[in-house]
Amino acid sequence: MKLDRTSLALAATVLLWASAFPAIRVALDGYGAGGLSFVRLAVASLALAVVAPLLKVRRPRGRDLPRIVLVGASGMSAYQLLLNWGEIHVPAGTASLIVAVVPAISALLAAAFLGERLTLAVVAGSAVALGGAALIAVAGGDTRYTVAAWAVLAAAVAQAGYHFAIKPLLRRYTGLEVACYAMWAGTVLLLPLAPDAVRTALSAPADATLAAVYLGVLPSAAGFVVWGHAVARLTVTAATAALYLVPVVALAVAGVWLGERPRPVELLGGLIGIAGVALVNRRPRPERARTAAGTSPRAAPTRRRS
C-alpha cells in the first residue's frame, strides 16, 4: 500500500509540474511576466504558510538567511521572471524541453563550486544536453523566438543554481523546509512588482486569474509537498527517472489544452537534451567483490555521488 501511495505521489508531481508550462501561457494572456511571477509566488507562499505548521516546518537559523535569500532569488524570483518572459514567445511544450536540461547544468555547477566529482559521463552528458537546448533555441528562425528561448535557457540555469546552492541547507533542513524558505524569500524579493500585479489582476480575464492561482496552489505549493513525500520513500535514481516524463507530459497537456504542435527540430532538440541528462545521471555499477578465497584483487572503494 505504501508503494502505491508513493507511486501516486510521484505521478501527481509529474502531472502538476508538467501542467505548469501550458498554465503559464494561459495566465500570460492577462498578466505580464512580472505580475504573473509575483502572483504565483505569493499564492504559493500563502498556501505553504497555511500548511507549514501541520508539516512541522521549522524556523530557519539566522546564519542561514543569506543563503536562503540567494536560493530564493535564483530558484524562485529569477526562474519565474525568465521563464514567464520566455513563454510569451516560446510554446509551453518547447519551454519544458529546454528546462529539462536543469540536472545537467546543476551537475556542472556542483563540480565547479562544491568540488563534486566531474566524471566523463557528466561532462559528455552536459555537453549533449546543452547542445539539445541550443538546437531548440535556434530552431525558430525568428528573432523574438530565439531571444525568448535563450531566456528560458537562462531560467534553467537559474533553477540549476538553486539545486546546487541548496545542498548545504539540506544537511540541516528537509527538502520541503528549504522549498518553503526559498518560496517565501523569492516572494519578498518580488514585492516591488506587487502594485503592477494588483492593477493587472483587476482587469485580467477570469481564465488567466484562475491559471495564475492554479500555478501557485498546485504546481508550486502542492507540487513541492507531494514531491517531498515521494523522494523520501524512493531511490534517487527512481525519482530522477520520473522527472524525465515531465517534458513528455507537458507536450501532451499543451497539445490538448492549447492545441500546440512542436516542430520536428524542437522535438529532436528535446530528445537530445533528455538523453544528455540521462547520461549525467547514470550511476556507475559498483564493482563486485570476489568472495572466493576471500580475495578481491585491486578492489577499489565505491565513491557515492550525492
C-alpha atoms as a PDB file:
ATOM      1  CA  MET A   1       0.000   0.000   0.000  1.00  0.00           C
ATOM      2  CA  LYS A   2       2.869   2.329   0.836  1.00  0.00           C
ATOM      3  CA  LEU A   3       4.403   1.720  -2.582  1.00  0.00           C
ATOM      4  CA  ASP A   4       1.092   2.564  -4.241  1.00  0.00           C
ATOM      5  CA  ARG A   5       0.871   5.882  -2.401  1.00  0.00           C
ATOM      6  CA  THR A   6       4.441   6.687  -3.343  1.00  0.00           C
ATOM      7  CA  SER A   7       3.834   5.910  -6.997  1.00  0.00           C
ATOM      8  CA  LEU A   8       0.697   8.048  -6.918  1.00  0.00           C
ATOM      9  CA  ALA A   9       2.612  10.926  -5.331  1.00  0.00           C
ATOM     10  CA  LEU A  10       5.310  10.680  -7.988  1.00  0.00           C
ATOM     11  CA  ALA A  11       2.750  10.613 -10.801  1.00  0.00           C
ATOM     12  CA  ALA A  12       0.938  13.597  -9.288  1.00  0.00           C
ATOM     13  CA  THR A  13       4.185  15.569  -9.110  1.00  0.00           C
ATOM     14  CA  VAL A  14       4.987  14.874 -12.758  1.00  0.00           C
ATOM     15  CA  LEU A  15       1.484  15.909 -13.832  1.00  0.00           C
ATOM     16  CA  LEU A  16       1.465  19.069 -11.705  1.00  0.00           C
ATOM     17  CA  TRP A  17       4.883  20.277 -12.819  1.00  0.00           C
ATOM     18  CA  ALA A  18       4.185  19.401 -16.458  1.00  0.00           C
ATOM     19  CA  SER A  19       0.863  21.260 -16.420  1.00  0.00           C
ATOM     20  CA  ALA A  20       2.603  24.417 -15.200  1.00  0.00           C
ATOM     21  CA  PHE A  21       4.055  25.159 -18.642  1.00  0.00           C
ATOM     22  CA  PRO A  22       0.714  25.433 -20.505  1.00  0.00           C
ATOM     23  CA  ALA A  23      -0.888  27.124 -17.482  1.00  0.00           C
ATOM     24  CA  ILE A  24       1.737  29.864 -17.738  1.00  0.00           C
ATOM     25  CA  ARG A  25       0.710  30.520 -21.345  1.00  0.00           C
ATOM     26  CA  VAL A  26      -2.927  30.876 -20.280  1.00  0.00           C
ATOM     27  CA  ALA A  27      -2.079  33.176 -17.368  1.00  0.00           C
ATOM     28  CA  LEU A  28       0.130  35.359 -19.574  1.00  0.00           C
ATOM     29  CA  ASP A  29      -2.960  36.367 -21.559  1.00  0.00           C
ATOM     30  CA  GLY A  30      -3.997  38.506 -18.597  1.00  0.00           C
ATOM     31  CA  TYR A  31      -0.768  39.114 -16.694  1.00  0.00           C
ATOM     32  CA  GLY A  32       2.660  40.321 -17.727  1.00  0.00           C
ATOM     33  CA  ALA A  33       5.719  38.240 -16.925  1.00  0.00           C
ATOM     34  CA  GLY A  34       6.440  40.271 -13.786  1.00  0.00           C
ATOM     35  CA  GLY A  35       2.879  40.342 -12.494  1.00  0.00           C
ATOM     36  CA  LEU A  36       2.416  36.612 -13.022  1.00  0.00           C
ATOM     37  CA  SER A  37       5.709  35.879 -11.272  1.00  0.00           C
ATOM     38  CA  PHE A  38       4.612  37.754  -8.164  1.00  0.00           C
ATOM     39  CA  VAL A  39       1.070  36.365  -8.105  1.00  0.00           C
ATOM     40  CA  ARG A  40       2.251  32.781  -8.498  1.00  0.00           C
ATOM     41  CA  LEU A  41       4.868  33.049  -5.750  1.00  0.00           C
ATOM     42  CA  ALA A  42       2.552  34.993  -3.432  1.00  0.00           C
ATOM     43  CA  VAL A  43      -0.227  32.411  -3.749  1.00  0.00           C
ATOM     44  CA  ALA A  44       2.256  29.570  -3.243  1.00  0.00           C
ATOM     45  CA  SER A  45       3.796  31.298  -0.212  1.00  0.00           C
ATOM     46  CA  LEU A  46       0.386  31.785   1.383  1.00  0.00           C
ATOM     47  CA  ALA A  47      -0.570  28.156   0.764  1.00  0.00           C
ATOM     48  CA  LEU A  48       2.707  26.889   2.229  1.00  0.00           C
ATOM     49  CA  ALA A  49       2.372  29.206   5.236  1.00  0.00           C
ATOM     50  CA  VAL A  50      -1.037  27.673   5.978  1.00  0.00           C
ATOM     51  CA  VAL A  51       0.221  24.072   5.905  1.00  0.00           C
ATOM     52  CA  ALA A  52       3.704  24.726   7.348  1.00  0.00           C
ATOM     53  CA  PRO A  53       2.629  24.160  10.994  1.00  0.00           C
ATOM     54  CA  LEU A  54       0.923  20.891  10.031  1.00  0.00           C
ATOM     55  CA  LEU A  55       4.063  19.732   8.213  1.00  0.00           C
ATOM     56  CA  LYS A  56       6.269  20.767  11.155  1.00  0.00           C
ATOM     57  CA  VAL A  57       8.325  23.256   9.145  1.00  0.00           C
ATOM     58  CA  ARG A  58      10.915  24.761  11.494  1.00  0.00           C
ATOM     59  CA  ARG A  59      12.159  28.337  11.572  1.00  0.00           C
ATOM     60  CA  PRO A  60      15.493  28.733   9.768  1.00  0.00           C
ATOM     61  CA  ARG A  61      18.625  29.675  11.664  1.00  0.00           C
ATOM     62  CA  GLY A  62      19.789  33.252  11.338  1.00  0.00           C
ATOM     63  CA  ARG A  63      23.153  32.281   9.896  1.00  0.00           C
ATOM     64  CA  ASP A  64      21.391  30.505   7.011  1.00  0.00           C
ATOM     65  CA  LEU A  65      19.328  33.521   5.935  1.00  0.00           C
ATOM     66  CA  PRO A  66      21.860  34.883   3.385  1.00  0.00           C
ATOM     67  CA  ARG A  67      21.935  31.554   1.538  1.00  0.00           C
ATOM     68  CA  ILE A  68      18.142  31.287   1.740  1.00  0.00           C
ATOM     69  CA  VAL A  69      17.842  34.720   0.127  1.00  0.00           C
ATOM     70  CA  LEU A  70      20.294  33.593  -2.564  1.00  0.00           C
ATOM     71  CA  VAL A  71      18.382  30.417  -3.412  1.00  0.00           C
ATOM     72  CA  GLY A  72      15.096  32.309  -3.318  1.00  0.00           C
ATOM     73  CA  ALA A  73      16.463  34.886  -5.744  1.00  0.00           C
ATOM     74  CA  SER A  74      17.790  32.226  -8.108  1.00  0.00           C
ATOM     75  CA  GLY A  75      15.331  29.345  -7.975  1.00  0.00           C
ATOM     76  CA  MET A  76      12.171  31.352  -7.408  1.00  0.00           C
ATOM     77  CA  SER A  77      12.387  35.031  -8.428  1.00  0.00           C
ATOM     78  CA  ALA A  78      14.787  34.834 -11.382  1.00  0.00           C
ATOM     79  CA  TYR A  79      13.448  31.488 -12.583  1.00  0.00           C
ATOM     80  CA  GLN A  80       9.844  32.703 -12.654  1.00  0.00           C
ATOM     81  CA  LEU A  81      10.660  36.016 -14.344  1.00  0.00           C
ATOM     82  CA  LEU A  82      12.817  34.448 -17.061  1.00  0.00           C
ATOM     83  CA  LEU A  83      10.509  31.500 -17.729  1.00  0.00           C
ATOM     84  CA  ASN A  84       7.380  33.654 -17.867  1.00  0.00           C
ATOM     85  CA  TRP A  85       9.026  36.184 -20.158  1.00  0.00           C
ATOM     86  CA  GLY A  86      10.322  33.412 -22.392  1.00  0.00           C
ATOM     87  CA  GLU A  87       6.939  31.726 -22.686  1.00  0.00           C
ATOM     88  CA  ILE A  88       5.460  34.878 -24.185  1.00  0.00           C
ATOM     89  CA  HIS A  89       7.046  33.758 -27.467  1.00  0.00           C
ATOM     90  CA  VAL A  90       8.060  30.131 -26.831  1.00  0.00           C
ATOM     91  CA  PRO A  91       5.369  27.403 -26.809  1.00  0.00           C
ATOM     92  CA  ALA A  92       4.748  25.675 -23.486  1.00  0.00           C
ATOM     93  CA  GLY A  93       5.897  22.239 -24.626  1.00  0.00           C
ATOM     94  CA  THR A  94       9.067  23.655 -26.144  1.00  0.00           C
ATOM     95  CA  ALA A  95       9.854  25.541 -22.922  1.00  0.00           C
ATOM     96  CA  SER A  96       9.510  22.305 -20.949  1.00  0.00           C
ATOM     97  CA  LEU A  97      12.048  20.620 -23.239  1.00  0.00           C
ATOM     98  CA  ILE A  98      14.568  23.405 -22.595  1.00  0.00           C
ATOM     99  CA  VAL A  99      14.045  23.381 -18.818  1.00  0.00           C
ATOM    100  CA  ALA A 100      14.568  19.604 -18.825  1.00  0.00           C
ATOM    101  CA  VAL A 101      18.351  20.185 -19.048  1.00  0.00           C
ATOM    102  CA  VAL A 102      18.457  21.616 -15.492  1.00  0.00           C
ATOM    103  CA  PRO A 103      20.061  18.470 -13.954  1.00  0.00           C
ATOM    104  CA  ALA A 104      22.951  18.651 -16.419  1.00  0.00           C
ATOM    105  CA  ILE A 105      23.669  22.291 -15.558  1.00  0.00           C
ATOM    106  CA  SER A 106      23.333  21.506 -11.840  1.00  0.00           C
ATOM    107  CA  ALA A 107      25.966  18.781 -12.152  1.00  0.00           C
ATOM    108  CA  LEU A 108      28.425  21.200 -13.771  1.00  0.00           C
ATOM    109  CA  LEU A 109      27.814  23.854 -11.114  1.00  0.00           C
ATOM    110  CA  ALA A 110      28.233  21.323  -8.304  1.00  0.00           C
ATOM    111  CA  ALA A 111      31.536  20.186  -9.796  1.00  0.00           C
ATOM    112  CA  ALA A 112      32.770  23.758 -10.256  1.00  0.00           C
ATOM    113  CA  PHE A 113      31.740  25.206  -6.886  1.00  0.00           C
ATOM    114  CA  LEU A 114      31.136  22.302  -4.499  1.00  0.00           C
ATOM    115  CA  GLY A 115      34.019  20.076  -5.523  1.00  0.00           C
ATOM    116  CA  GLU A 116      31.811  17.176  -6.586  1.00  0.00           C
ATOM    117  CA  ARG A 117      33.384  14.583  -8.831  1.00  0.00           C
ATOM    118  CA  LEU A 118      33.400  15.588 -12.504  1.00  0.00           C
ATOM    119  CA  THR A 119      33.220  12.348 -14.471  1.00  0.00           C
ATOM    120  CA  LEU A 120      33.405  11.834 -18.209  1.00  0.00           C
ATOM    121  CA  ALA A 121      29.691  10.989 -18.174  1.00  0.00           C
ATOM    122  CA  VAL A 122      28.873  14.331 -16.526  1.00  0.00           C
ATOM    123  CA  VAL A 123      30.972  16.322 -18.998  1.00  0.00           C
ATOM    124  CA  ALA A 124      29.687  14.471 -22.062  1.00  0.00           C
ATOM    125  CA  GLY A 125      26.085  14.412 -20.842  1.00  0.00           C
ATOM    126  CA  SER A 126      26.101  18.118 -20.025  1.00  0.00           C
ATOM    127  CA  ALA A 127      27.531  18.965 -23.442  1.00  0.00           C
ATOM    128  CA  VAL A 128      24.875  16.846 -25.156  1.00  0.00           C
ATOM    129  CA  ALA A 129      22.049  18.301 -23.046  1.00  0.00           C
ATOM    130  CA  LEU A 130      23.124  21.906 -23.634  1.00  0.00           C
ATOM    131  CA  GLY A 131      23.550  21.154 -27.324  1.00  0.00           C
ATOM    132  CA  GLY A 132      19.954  19.945 -27.449  1.00  0.00           C
ATOM    133  CA  ALA A 133      18.742  23.091 -25.690  1.00  0.00           C
ATOM    134  CA  ALA A 134      20.762  25.283 -28.062  1.00  0.00           C
ATOM    135  CA  LEU A 135      19.242  23.456 -31.042  1.00  0.00           C
ATOM    136  CA  ILE A 136      15.769  24.301 -29.765  1.00  0.00           C
ATOM    137  CA  ALA A 137      16.786  27.929 -29.189  1.00  0.00           C
ATOM    138  CA  VAL A 138      17.900  28.463 -32.789  1.00  0.00           C
ATOM    139  CA  ALA A 139      15.143  26.342 -34.335  1.00  0.00           C
ATOM    140  CA  GLY A 140      12.603  29.111 -34.710  1.00  0.00           C
ATOM    141  CA  GLY A 141      14.411  31.344 -37.164  1.00  0.00           C
ATOM    142  CA  ASP A 142      12.512  34.288 -35.654  1.00  0.00           C
ATOM    143  CA  THR A 143      14.425  36.813 -33.555  1.00  0.00           C
ATOM    144  CA  ARG A 144      11.753  37.097 -30.870  1.00  0.00           C
ATOM    145  CA  TYR A 145      11.514  33.315 -30.558  1.00  0.00           C
ATOM    146  CA  THR A 146      15.291  32.912 -30.384  1.00  0.00           C
ATOM    147  CA  VAL A 147      15.738  35.575 -27.696  1.00  0.00           C
ATOM    148  CA  ALA A 148      12.829  34.147 -25.703  1.00  0.00           C
ATOM    149  CA  ALA A 149      14.228  30.618 -25.997  1.00  0.00           C
ATOM    150  CA  TRP A 150      17.564  31.799 -24.632  1.00  0.00           C
ATOM    151  CA  ALA A 151      15.639  33.437 -21.763  1.00  0.00           C
ATOM    152  CA  VAL A 152      14.063  30.052 -20.977  1.00  0.00           C
ATOM    153  CA  LEU A 153      17.538  28.503 -21.026  1.00  0.00           C
ATOM    154  CA  ALA A 154      18.664  31.252 -18.628  1.00  0.00           C
ATOM    155  CA  ALA A 155      15.729  30.245 -16.413  1.00  0.00           C
ATOM    156  CA  ALA A 156      17.068  26.689 -16.490  1.00  0.00           C
ATOM    157  CA  VAL A 157      20.473  27.999 -15.373  1.00  0.00           C
ATOM    158  CA  ALA A 158      18.797  29.901 -12.514  1.00  0.00           C
ATOM    159  CA  GLN A 159      16.930  26.760 -11.459  1.00  0.00           C
ATOM    160  CA  ALA A 160      20.139  24.731 -11.661  1.00  0.00           C
ATOM    161  CA  GLY A 161      21.822  27.302  -9.432  1.00  0.00           C
ATOM    162  CA  TYR A 162      19.048  26.759  -6.907  1.00  0.00           C
ATOM    163  CA  HIS A 163      19.543  22.986  -6.884  1.00  0.00           C
ATOM    164  CA  PHE A 164      23.281  23.144  -6.247  1.00  0.00           C
ATOM    165  CA  ALA A 165      23.081  26.077  -3.816  1.00  0.00           C
ATOM    166  CA  ILE A 166      20.568  24.343  -1.523  1.00  0.00           C
ATOM    167  CA  LYS A 167      22.854  21.358  -0.889  1.00  0.00           C
ATOM    168  CA  PRO A 168      24.474  22.856   2.252  1.00  0.00           C
ATOM    169  CA  LEU A 169      20.986  23.703   3.559  1.00  0.00           C
ATOM    170  CA  LEU A 170      19.790  20.133   3.053  1.00  0.00           C
ATOM    171  CA  ARG A 171      22.271  18.999   5.704  1.00  0.00           C
ATOM    172  CA  ARG A 172      20.232  20.880   8.324  1.00  0.00           C
ATOM    173  CA  TYR A 173      16.713  21.076   6.888  1.00  0.00           C
ATOM    174  CA  THR A 174      14.305  18.876   4.956  1.00  0.00           C
ATOM    175  CA  GLY A 175      13.736  19.458   1.256  1.00  0.00           C
ATOM    176  CA  LEU A 176      10.242  20.758   1.999  1.00  0.00           C
ATOM    177  CA  GLU A 177      11.568  23.232   4.563  1.00  0.00           C
ATOM    178  CA  VAL A 178      14.145  24.557   2.098  1.00  0.00           C
ATOM    179  CA  ALA A 179      11.452  24.908  -0.578  1.00  0.00           C
ATOM    180  CA  CYS A 180       9.273  26.885   1.848  1.00  0.00           C
ATOM    181  CA  TYR A 181      12.119  29.196   2.851  1.00  0.00           C
ATOM    182  CA  ALA A 182      13.086  29.789  -0.779  1.00  0.00           C
ATOM    183  CA  MET A 183       9.477  30.425  -1.823  1.00  0.00           C
ATOM    184  CA  TRP A 184       8.959  32.975   0.928  1.00  0.00           C
ATOM    185  CA  ALA A 185      12.272  34.702   0.182  1.00  0.00           C
ATOM    186  CA  GLY A 186      11.532  34.789  -3.539  1.00  0.00           C
ATOM    187  CA  THR A 187       8.139  36.368  -2.888  1.00  0.00           C
ATOM    188  CA  VAL A 188       9.631  39.102  -0.701  1.00  0.00           C
ATOM    189  CA  LEU A 189      12.186  39.904  -3.401  1.00  0.00           C
ATOM    190  CA  LEU A 190       9.376  40.395  -5.937  1.00  0.00           C
ATOM    191  CA  LEU A 191       7.318  42.708  -3.693  1.00  0.00           C
ATOM    192  CA  PRO A 192       8.192  45.736  -5.899  1.00  0.00           C
ATOM    193  CA  LEU A 193       6.083  44.056  -8.609  1.00  0.00           C
ATOM    194  CA  ALA A 194       3.032  43.789  -6.330  1.00  0.00           C
ATOM    195  CA  PRO A 195       1.342  47.099  -7.311  1.00  0.00           C
ATOM    196  CA  ASP A 196       1.501  46.236 -11.006  1.00  0.00           C
ATOM    197  CA  ALA A 197       0.251  42.714 -10.285  1.00  0.00           C
ATOM    198  CA  VAL A 198      -2.754  44.078  -8.389  1.00  0.00           C
ATOM    199  CA  ARG A 199      -3.629  46.522 -11.174  1.00  0.00           C
ATOM    200  CA  THR A 200      -3.337  43.759 -13.759  1.00  0.00           C
ATOM    201  CA  ALA A 201      -5.475  41.379 -11.711  1.00  0.00           C
ATOM    202  CA  LEU A 202      -8.355  43.865 -11.696  1.00  0.00           C
ATOM    203  CA  SER A 203      -8.661  43.695 -15.487  1.00  0.00           C
ATOM    204  CA  ALA A 204      -7.359  40.189 -16.213  1.00  0.00           C
ATOM    205  CA  PRO A 205      -9.702  37.602 -17.775  1.00  0.00           C
ATOM    206  CA  ALA A 206     -11.105  35.035 -15.366  1.00  0.00           C
ATOM    207  CA  ASP A 207      -9.290  32.129 -17.021  1.00  0.00           C
ATOM    208  CA  ALA A 208      -5.942  33.941 -16.701  1.00  0.00           C
ATOM    209  CA  THR A 209      -6.514  34.601 -12.993  1.00  0.00           C
ATOM    210  CA  LEU A 210      -7.619  31.015 -12.399  1.00  0.00           C
ATOM    211  CA  ALA A 211      -4.481  29.799 -14.171  1.00  0.00           C
ATOM    212  CA  ALA A 212      -2.292  32.074 -12.014  1.00  0.00           C
ATOM    213  CA  VAL A 213      -3.918  30.820  -8.803  1.00  0.00           C
ATOM    214  CA  TYR A 214      -3.637  27.231 -10.048  1.00  0.00           C
ATOM    215  CA  LEU A 215       0.092  27.736 -10.644  1.00  0.00           C
ATOM    216  CA  GLY A 216       0.603  28.956  -7.099  1.00  0.00           C
ATOM    217  CA  VAL A 217      -1.540  26.414  -5.255  1.00  0.00           C
ATOM    218  CA  LEU A 218      -0.838  23.224  -7.194  1.00  0.00           C
ATOM    219  CA  PRO A 219       2.423  23.097  -9.221  1.00  0.00           C
ATOM    220  CA  SER A 220       4.281  25.402  -6.808  1.00  0.00           C
ATOM    221  CA  ALA A 221       2.915  24.655  -3.318  1.00  0.00           C
ATOM    222  CA  ALA A 222       1.340  21.197  -3.575  1.00  0.00           C
ATOM    223  CA  GLY A 223       3.989  20.058  -6.041  1.00  0.00           C
ATOM    224  CA  PHE A 224       6.795  20.531  -3.516  1.00  0.00           C
ATOM    225  CA  VAL A 225       4.804  18.856  -0.722  1.00  0.00           C
ATOM    226  CA  VAL A 226       3.919  15.799  -2.814  1.00  0.00           C
ATOM    227  CA  TRP A 227       7.438  15.603  -4.258  1.00  0.00           C
ATOM    228  CA  GLY A 228       8.887  15.629  -0.749  1.00  0.00           C
ATOM    229  CA  HIS A 229       6.632  12.705   0.186  1.00  0.00           C
ATOM    230  CA  ALA A 230       7.746  10.721  -2.857  1.00  0.00           C
ATOM    231  CA  VAL A 231      11.510  11.270  -2.727  1.00  0.00           C
ATOM    232  CA  ALA A 232      11.626  10.390   0.968  1.00  0.00           C
ATOM    233  CA  ARG A 233      10.482   6.891   0.020  1.00  0.00           C
ATOM    234  CA  LEU A 234      12.275   6.343  -3.289  1.00  0.00           C
ATOM    235  CA  THR A 235      15.829   5.967  -4.512  1.00  0.00           C
ATOM    236  CA  VAL A 236      17.417   8.966  -6.216  1.00  0.00           C
ATOM    237  CA  THR A 237      17.525   7.001  -9.481  1.00  0.00           C
ATOM    238  CA  ALA A 238      13.798   6.257  -9.436  1.00  0.00           C
ATOM    239  CA  ALA A 239      12.851   9.830  -8.582  1.00  0.00           C
ATOM    240  CA  THR A 240      15.140  11.270 -11.264  1.00  0.00           C
ATOM    241  CA  ALA A 241      13.841   8.864 -13.886  1.00  0.00           C
ATOM    242  CA  ALA A 242      10.290  10.008 -13.183  1.00  0.00           C
ATOM    243  CA  LEU A 243      11.262  13.624 -13.874  1.00  0.00           C
ATOM    244  CA  TYR A 244      12.221  12.646 -17.428  1.00  0.00           C
ATOM    245  CA  LEU A 245       8.477  12.328 -18.005  1.00  0.00           C
ATOM    246  CA  VAL A 246       7.771  15.995 -17.191  1.00  0.00           C
ATOM    247  CA  PRO A 247       8.509  17.375 -20.703  1.00  0.00           C
ATOM    248  CA  VAL A 248       6.711  14.422 -22.301  1.00  0.00           C
ATOM    249  CA  VAL A 249       3.588  15.047 -20.233  1.00  0.00           C
ATOM    250  CA  ALA A 250       3.926  18.818 -20.757  1.00  0.00           C
ATOM    251  CA  LEU A 251       3.895  18.306 -24.522  1.00  0.00           C
ATOM    252  CA  ALA A 252       0.760  16.165 -24.227  1.00  0.00           C
ATOM    253  CA  VAL A 253      -1.035  18.610 -21.917  1.00  0.00           C
ATOM    254  CA  ALA A 254      -0.076  21.598 -24.100  1.00  0.00           C
ATOM    255  CA  GLY A 255      -1.334  19.724 -27.156  1.00  0.00           C
ATOM    256  CA  VAL A 256      -4.731  19.005 -25.592  1.00  0.00           C
ATOM    257  CA  TRP A 257      -5.129  22.290 -23.688  1.00  0.00           C
ATOM    258  CA  LEU A 258      -3.592  24.782 -26.123  1.00  0.00           C
ATOM    259  CA  GLY A 259      -3.512  22.859 -29.388  1.00  0.00           C
ATOM    260  CA  GLU A 260       0.284  23.204 -29.609  1.00  0.00           C
ATOM    261  CA  ARG A 261       2.213  21.070 -32.079  1.00  0.00           C
ATOM    262  CA  PRO A 262       6.001  21.277 -31.670  1.00  0.00           C
ATOM    263  CA  ARG A 263       8.153  21.241 -34.779  1.00  0.00           C
ATOM    264  CA  PRO A 264      10.274  18.157 -35.502  1.00  0.00           C
ATOM    265  CA  VAL A 265      13.518  20.051 -34.870  1.00  0.00           C
ATOM    266  CA  GLU A 266      12.242  21.107 -31.426  1.00  0.00           C
ATOM    267  CA  LEU A 267      11.366  17.510 -30.588  1.00  0.00           C
ATOM    268  CA  LEU A 268      14.807  16.427 -31.790  1.00  0.00           C
ATOM    269  CA  GLY A 269      16.485  19.012 -29.578  1.00  0.00           C
ATOM    270  CA  GLY A 270      14.361  17.890 -26.645  1.00  0.00           C
ATOM    271  CA  LEU A 271      15.255  14.237 -27.148  1.00  0.00           C
ATOM    272  CA  ILE A 272      18.942  15.161 -27.338  1.00  0.00           C
ATOM    273  CA  GLY A 273      18.623  17.193 -24.141  1.00  0.00           C
ATOM    274  CA  ILE A 274      16.887  14.393 -22.229  1.00  0.00           C
ATOM    275  CA  ALA A 275      19.476  11.891 -23.471  1.00  0.00           C
ATOM    276  CA  GLY A 276      22.216  14.154 -22.137  1.00  0.00           C
ATOM    277  CA  VAL A 277      20.517  14.427 -18.748  1.00  0.00           C
ATOM    278  CA  ALA A 278      20.145  10.640 -18.622  1.00  0.00           C
ATOM    279  CA  LEU A 279      23.879  10.330 -19.264  1.00  0.00           C
ATOM    280  CA  VAL A 280      24.665  12.799 -16.476  1.00  0.00           C
ATOM    281  CA  ASN A 281      22.503  10.864 -14.015  1.00  0.00           C
ATOM    282  CA  ARG A 282      23.882   7.461 -14.979  1.00  0.00           C
ATOM    283  CA  ARG A 283      25.224   5.751 -11.883  1.00  0.00           C
ATOM    284  CA  PRO A 284      28.313   3.551 -12.330  1.00  0.00           C
ATOM    285  CA  ARG A 285      27.815  -0.022 -11.239  1.00  0.00           C
ATOM    286  CA  PRO A 286      29.743  -0.825  -8.071  1.00  0.00           C
ATOM    287  CA  GLU A 287      32.489  -3.370  -8.585  1.00  0.00           C
ATOM    288  CA  ARG A 288      31.529  -6.775  -7.229  1.00  0.00           C
ATOM    289  CA  ALA A 289      33.851  -8.074  -4.593  1.00  0.00           C
ATOM    290  CA  ARG A 290      35.173 -11.554  -5.218  1.00  0.00           C
ATOM    291  CA  THR A 291      34.271 -13.830  -2.336  1.00  0.00           C
ATOM    292  CA  ALA A 292      36.214 -16.888  -3.432  1.00  0.00           C
ATOM    293  CA  ALA A 293      39.169 -17.472  -1.078  1.00  0.00           C
ATOM    294  CA  GLY A 294      38.367 -14.114   0.475  1.00  0.00           C
ATOM    295  CA  THR A 295      40.294 -12.229  -2.216  1.00  0.00           C
ATOM    296  CA  SER A 296      39.429  -9.133  -4.214  1.00  0.00           C
ATOM    297  CA  PRO A 297      42.363  -8.104  -6.403  1.00  0.00           C
ATOM    298  CA  ARG A 298      42.655  -4.334  -6.944  1.00  0.00           C
ATOM    299  CA  ALA A 299      39.268  -3.748  -5.348  1.00  0.00           C
ATOM    300  CA  ALA A 300      38.594  -0.033  -5.009  1.00  0.00           C
ATOM    301  CA  PRO A 301      36.061   1.601  -2.736  1.00  0.00           C
ATOM    302  CA  THR A 302      32.941   2.814  -4.492  1.00  0.00           C
ATOM    303  CA  ARG A 303      32.511   6.560  -4.166  1.00  0.00           C
ATOM    304  CA  ARG A 304      28.945   7.653  -3.579  1.00  0.00           C
ATOM    305  CA  ARG A 305      27.625  10.612  -5.522  1.00  0.00           C
ATOM    306  CA  SER A 306      25.123  12.855  -3.856  1.00  0.00           C
END
